[in-house]
Amino acid sequence: MLSILLGSLLSTPKVAPDVTIEPVNKEIVRVVVPGYSFEIPKEWSIGRETPWGQRDMSLEGSKGKLGVMTGGGEPSNWDDLYRVSLYFINREERGEPTPYREFESKGGYPSIAFEVKNSEGFASRRYAILKNKDHRILALSVRIPAEKDEKAFTAHFQRMIDTARFR
């Protein structure tokens, strides 16, 4: 009995204290913080927000991750947001960026999406930036650990984009 309880506790994803988790179904949870919300698989751990507004989500045993960063308040155009994003993305790890594409998120937010290809030409890092009417932005990202993981990580990332809401 103790080993079952201990195993259950050890396998429970870590959740930062400022995060509220709302069950959506058996496999998905809604992550709610004061400025935004989105949905991810329930087994993912949710990190603390950094002083610059970044938060990572990870799956134990995987090199992949989902990320979210907040910003804005000042009017800015997509070209500027893309250029600034690439500056910080390339500081972390160089790659070949794709041009951005504009779209409207399922939440009704004007948005852009783009990828950064690794040295093998695989788009291992993908990004979406959503902007609300108050010029706040929500920058979402995924790091896909390997091409074999692309389908699952892309689905998680798309769900995150589709369910992202400013609060």
C-alpha atoms as a PDB file:
ATOM      1  CA  MET A   1       0.000   0.000   0.000  1.00  0.00           C
ATOM      2  CA  LEU A   2       2.775   2.429   0.939  1.00  0.00           C
ATOM      3  CA  SER A   3       4.632   1.692  -2.316  1.00  0.00           C
ATOM      4  CA  ILE A   4       1.487   2.454  -4.351  1.00  0.00           C
ATOM      5  CA  LEU A   5       0.984   5.747  -2.525  1.00  0.00           C
ATOM      6  CA  LEU A   6       4.665   6.661  -2.811  1.00  0.00           C
ATOM      7  CA  GLY A   7       4.698   5.764  -6.516  1.00  0.00           C
ATOM      8  CA  SER A   8       1.633   7.916  -7.053  1.00  0.00           C
ATOM      9  CA  LEU A   9       3.234  10.872  -5.266  1.00  0.00           C
ATOM     10  CA  LEU A  10       6.504  10.543  -7.155  1.00  0.00           C
ATOM     11  CA  SER A  11       4.793  10.409 -10.539  1.00  0.00           C
ATOM     12  CA  THR A  12       2.594  13.468  -9.888  1.00  0.00           C
ATOM     13  CA  PRO A  13       3.657  16.384 -12.115  1.00  0.00           C
ATOM     14  CA  LYS A  14       5.101  19.412 -10.339  1.00  0.00           C
ATOM     15  CA  VAL A  15       3.001  22.555 -10.500  1.00  0.00           C
ATOM     16  CA  ALA A  16       4.235  26.034  -9.570  1.00  0.00           C
ATOM     17  CA  PRO A  17       2.352  27.553  -6.600  1.00  0.00           C
ATOM     18  CA  ASP A  18       0.867  30.460  -8.609  1.00  0.00           C
ATOM     19  CA  VAL A  19      -0.861  28.069 -11.036  1.00  0.00           C
ATOM     20  CA  THR A  20      -4.432  26.827 -10.772  1.00  0.00           C
ATOM     21  CA  ILE A  21      -5.197  23.561 -12.533  1.00  0.00           C
ATOM     22  CA  GLU A  22      -8.716  22.878 -13.830  1.00  0.00           C
ATOM     23  CA  PRO A  23      -9.477  19.405 -15.201  1.00  0.00           C
ATOM     24  CA  VAL A  24     -10.857  19.448 -18.756  1.00  0.00           C
ATOM     25  CA  ASN A  25     -11.063  15.679 -19.236  1.00  0.00           C
ATOM     26  CA  LYS A  26      -9.112  12.566 -18.169  1.00  0.00           C
ATOM     27  CA  GLU A  27      -6.026  13.583 -20.144  1.00  0.00           C
ATOM     28  CA  ILE A  28      -6.108  17.397 -20.351  1.00  0.00           C
ATOM     29  CA  VAL A  29      -5.952  20.224 -17.803  1.00  0.00           C
ATOM     30  CA  ARG A  30      -6.455  23.967 -18.088  1.00  0.00           C
ATOM     31  CA  VAL A  31      -3.522  25.947 -16.689  1.00  0.00           C
ATOM     32  CA  VAL A  32      -4.786  29.201 -15.176  1.00  0.00           C
ATOM     33  CA  VAL A  33      -2.610  32.070 -13.946  1.00  0.00           C
ATOM     34  CA  PRO A  34      -3.615  35.692 -13.359  1.00  0.00           C
ATOM     35  CA  GLY A  35      -2.821  36.871 -16.930  1.00  0.00           C
ATOM     36  CA  TYR A  36      -3.730  33.930 -19.137  1.00  0.00           C
ATOM     37  CA  SER A  37      -4.853  30.322 -19.473  1.00  0.00           C
ATOM     38  CA  PHE A  38      -4.299  27.400 -21.865  1.00  0.00           C
ATOM     39  CA  GLU A  39      -4.667  23.623 -21.950  1.00  0.00           C
ATOM     40  CA  ILE A  40      -1.961  20.922 -21.850  1.00  0.00           C
ATOM     41  CA  PRO A  41      -1.736  17.196 -21.047  1.00  0.00           C
ATOM     42  CA  LYS A  42      -2.190  16.608 -17.313  1.00  0.00           C
ATOM     43  CA  GLU A  43       1.080  14.683 -16.882  1.00  0.00           C
ATOM     44  CA  TRP A  44       3.213  17.728 -17.751  1.00  0.00           C
ATOM     45  CA  SER A  45       4.999  19.672 -14.987  1.00  0.00           C
ATOM     46  CA  ILE A  46       4.487  23.433 -14.893  1.00  0.00           C
ATOM     47  CA  GLY A  47       7.378  25.638 -13.830  1.00  0.00           C
ATOM     48  CA  ARG A  48       7.468  28.954 -12.036  1.00  0.00           C
ATOM     49  CA  GLU A  49       7.267  32.180 -13.984  1.00  0.00           C
ATOM     50  CA  THR A  50      10.626  33.930 -14.328  1.00  0.00           C
ATOM     51  CA  PRO A  51      10.995  37.665 -13.538  1.00  0.00           C
ATOM     52  CA  TRP A  52      10.805  38.356 -17.302  1.00  0.00           C
ATOM     53  CA  GLY A  53       7.478  36.518 -17.679  1.00  0.00           C
ATOM     54  CA  GLN A  54       8.588  33.129 -19.022  1.00  0.00           C
ATOM     55  CA  ARG A  55       7.247  29.753 -17.902  1.00  0.00           C
ATOM     56  CA  ASP A  56       8.161  26.252 -19.150  1.00  0.00           C
ATOM     57  CA  MET A  57       6.181  23.030 -19.093  1.00  0.00           C
ATOM     58  CA  SER A  58       7.961  19.695 -19.340  1.00  0.00           C
ATOM     59  CA  LEU A  59       7.278  16.003 -19.458  1.00  0.00           C
ATOM     60  CA  GLU A  60       9.438  13.865 -17.177  1.00  0.00           C
ATOM     61  CA  GLY A  61      12.054  11.965 -19.137  1.00  0.00           C
ATOM     62  CA  SER A  62      11.702  14.115 -22.278  1.00  0.00           C
ATOM     63  CA  LYS A  63      14.004  16.779 -23.711  1.00  0.00           C
ATOM     64  CA  GLY A  64      10.996  18.502 -25.246  1.00  0.00           C
ATOM     65  CA  LYS A  65       9.125  21.370 -23.654  1.00  0.00           C
ATOM     66  CA  LEU A  66       6.310  23.811 -24.069  1.00  0.00           C
ATOM     67  CA  GLY A  67       6.780  27.450 -23.130  1.00  0.00           C
ATOM     68  CA  VAL A  68       4.823  30.630 -22.599  1.00  0.00           C
ATOM     69  CA  MET A  69       6.030  34.202 -22.201  1.00  0.00           C
ATOM     70  CA  THR A  70       4.042  37.361 -21.594  1.00  0.00           C
ATOM     71  CA  GLY A  71       4.822  40.872 -22.658  1.00  0.00           C
ATOM     72  CA  GLY A  72       3.580  43.986 -24.294  1.00  0.00           C
ATOM     73  CA  GLY A  73       1.291  46.777 -23.320  1.00  0.00           C
ATOM     74  CA  GLU A  74       2.834  48.960 -26.024  1.00  0.00           C
ATOM     75  CA  PRO A  75       1.573  48.939 -29.599  1.00  0.00           C
ATOM     76  CA  SER A  76       3.958  46.950 -31.812  1.00  0.00           C
ATOM     77  CA  ASN A  77       3.774  45.495 -35.279  1.00  0.00           C
ATOM     78  CA  TRP A  78       4.403  41.887 -36.293  1.00  0.00           C
ATOM     79  CA  ASP A  79       7.710  42.674 -38.008  1.00  0.00           C
ATOM     80  CA  ASP A  80       9.107  44.160 -34.791  1.00  0.00           C
ATOM     81  CA  LEU A  81       7.789  41.338 -32.605  1.00  0.00           C
ATOM     82  CA  TYR A  82       9.228  38.742 -34.997  1.00  0.00           C
ATOM     83  CA  ARG A  83      12.645  40.466 -35.161  1.00  0.00           C
ATOM     84  CA  VAL A  84      12.902  40.836 -31.368  1.00  0.00           C
ATOM     85  CA  SER A  85      11.747  37.248 -30.846  1.00  0.00           C
ATOM     86  CA  LEU A  86      14.410  35.938 -33.228  1.00  0.00           C
ATOM     87  CA  TYR A  87      17.098  37.936 -31.419  1.00  0.00           C
ATOM     88  CA  PHE A  88      16.358  36.117 -28.147  1.00  0.00           C
ATOM     89  CA  ILE A  89      15.681  32.763 -29.816  1.00  0.00           C
ATOM     90  CA  ASN A  90      19.064  32.851 -31.559  1.00  0.00           C
ATOM     91  CA  ARG A  91      20.840  33.851 -28.350  1.00  0.00           C
ATOM     92  CA  GLU A  92      19.624  30.570 -26.859  1.00  0.00           C
ATOM     93  CA  GLU A  93      20.413  28.449 -29.921  1.00  0.00           C
ATOM     94  CA  ARG A  94      21.047  29.355 -33.539  1.00  0.00           C
ATOM     95  CA  GLY A  95      18.847  28.006 -36.304  1.00  0.00           C
ATOM     96  CA  GLU A  96      17.219  28.914 -39.602  1.00  0.00           C
ATOM     97  CA  PRO A  97      13.944  30.821 -39.065  1.00  0.00           C
ATOM     98  CA  THR A  98      10.989  30.551 -41.409  1.00  0.00           C
ATOM     99  CA  PRO A  99       9.027  33.662 -42.372  1.00  0.00           C
ATOM    100  CA  TYR A 100       6.084  34.329 -40.092  1.00  0.00           C
ATOM    101  CA  ARG A 101       2.497  33.646 -41.071  1.00  0.00           C
ATOM    102  CA  GLU A 102      -0.433  35.694 -39.785  1.00  0.00           C
ATOM    103  CA  PHE A 103      -3.590  34.002 -38.543  1.00  0.00           C
ATOM    104  CA  GLU A 104      -6.433  34.500 -36.087  1.00  0.00           C
ATOM    105  CA  SER A 105      -6.347  32.147 -33.107  1.00  0.00           C
ATOM    106  CA  LYS A 106      -9.440  30.188 -32.112  1.00  0.00           C
ATOM    107  CA  GLY A 107      -9.714  32.638 -29.213  1.00  0.00           C
ATOM    108  CA  GLY A 108     -10.085  35.460 -31.769  1.00  0.00           C
ATOM    109  CA  TYR A 109      -6.631  37.006 -31.258  1.00  0.00           C
ATOM    110  CA  PRO A 110      -4.533  38.342 -34.133  1.00  0.00           C
ATOM    111  CA  SER A 111      -1.481  36.045 -34.208  1.00  0.00           C
ATOM    112  CA  ILE A 112       1.645  34.983 -36.036  1.00  0.00           C
ATOM    113  CA  ALA A 113       3.435  31.648 -36.207  1.00  0.00           C
ATOM    114  CA  PHE A 114       6.929  30.670 -37.346  1.00  0.00           C
ATOM    115  CA  GLU A 115       9.506  27.932 -36.893  1.00  0.00           C
ATOM    116  CA  VAL A 116      13.257  27.653 -36.432  1.00  0.00           C
ATOM    117  CA  LYS A 117      14.965  24.780 -38.221  1.00  0.00           C
ATOM    118  CA  ASN A 118      17.914  22.941 -36.714  1.00  0.00           C
ATOM    119  CA  SER A 119      21.118  22.015 -38.585  1.00  0.00           C
ATOM    120  CA  GLU A 120      19.363  18.988 -40.144  1.00  0.00           C
ATOM    121  CA  GLY A 121      16.579  21.196 -41.533  1.00  0.00           C
ATOM    122  CA  PHE A 122      13.953  19.978 -39.049  1.00  0.00           C
ATOM    123  CA  ALA A 123      11.677  22.633 -37.509  1.00  0.00           C
ATOM    124  CA  SER A 124      12.444  21.571 -33.930  1.00  0.00           C
ATOM    125  CA  ARG A 125      11.367  24.872 -32.391  1.00  0.00           C
ATOM    126  CA  ARG A 126       7.985  26.412 -33.179  1.00  0.00           C
ATOM    127  CA  TYR A 127       6.450  29.664 -32.018  1.00  0.00           C
ATOM    128  CA  ALA A 128       3.146  31.508 -31.985  1.00  0.00           C
ATOM    129  CA  ILE A 129       2.550  35.048 -30.749  1.00  0.00           C
ATOM    130  CA  LEU A 130      -0.989  36.127 -29.863  1.00  0.00           C
ATOM    131  CA  LYS A 131      -1.909  39.784 -29.272  1.00  0.00           C
ATOM    132  CA  ASN A 132      -5.008  41.150 -27.533  1.00  0.00           C
ATOM    133  CA  LYS A 133      -6.706  44.511 -28.009  1.00  0.00           C
ATOM    134  CA  ASP A 134      -4.673  45.997 -25.120  1.00  0.00           C
ATOM    135  CA  HIS A 135      -1.458  45.126 -27.033  1.00  0.00           C
ATOM    136  CA  ARG A 136      -0.482  42.439 -24.506  1.00  0.00           C
ATOM    137  CA  ILE A 137       1.207  39.453 -26.079  1.00  0.00           C
ATOM    138  CA  LEU A 138       1.317  35.788 -25.263  1.00  0.00           C
ATOM    139  CA  ALA A 139       4.290  34.074 -26.910  1.00  0.00           C
ATOM    140  CA  LEU A 140       3.893  30.293 -27.028  1.00  0.00           C
ATOM    141  CA  SER A 141       6.578  27.811 -27.988  1.00  0.00           C
ATOM    142  CA  VAL A 142       7.409  24.150 -28.335  1.00  0.00           C
ATOM    143  CA  ARG A 143      10.760  22.404 -28.506  1.00  0.00           C
ATOM    144  CA  ILE A 144      10.361  19.050 -30.251  1.00  0.00           C
ATOM    145  CA  PRO A 145      13.100  16.694 -29.024  1.00  0.00           C
ATOM    146  CA  ALA A 146      13.290  14.535 -32.183  1.00  0.00           C
ATOM    147  CA  GLU A 147      11.474  14.084 -35.483  1.00  0.00           C
ATOM    148  CA  LYS A 148       9.855  10.885 -34.153  1.00  0.00           C
ATOM    149  CA  ASP A 149       8.132  13.051 -31.500  1.00  0.00           C
ATOM    150  CA  GLU A 150       6.839  15.646 -33.963  1.00  0.00           C
ATOM    151  CA  LYS A 151       3.226  14.458 -34.192  1.00  0.00           C
ATOM    152  CA  ALA A 152       2.618  14.345 -30.426  1.00  0.00           C
ATOM    153  CA  PHE A 153       4.435  17.600 -29.597  1.00  0.00           C
ATOM    154  CA  THR A 154       2.803  19.444 -32.489  1.00  0.00           C
ATOM    155  CA  ALA A 155      -0.627  18.327 -31.263  1.00  0.00           C
ATOM    156  CA  HIS A 156       0.139  19.531 -27.708  1.00  0.00           C
ATOM    157  CA  PHE A 157       1.383  22.866 -29.061  1.00  0.00           C
ATOM    158  CA  GLN A 158      -1.647  23.326 -31.321  1.00  0.00           C
ATOM    159  CA  ARG A 159      -3.991  22.648 -28.401  1.00  0.00           C
ATOM    160  CA  MET A 160      -2.080  25.246 -26.361  1.00  0.00           C
ATOM    161  CA  ILE A 161      -2.522  27.828 -29.164  1.00  0.00           C
ATOM    162  CA  ASP A 162      -6.188  26.954 -29.730  1.00  0.00           C
ATOM    163  CA  THR A 163      -7.095  27.234 -26.035  1.00  0.00           C
ATOM    164  CA  ALA A 164      -4.903  30.232 -25.056  1.00  0.00           C
ATOM    165  CA  ARG A 165      -6.900  33.072 -23.516  1.00  0.00           C
ATOM    166  CA  PHE A 166      -5.907  36.371 -21.937  1.00  0.00           C
ATOM    167  CA  ARG A 167      -7.470  36.932 -18.510  1.00  0.00           C
END
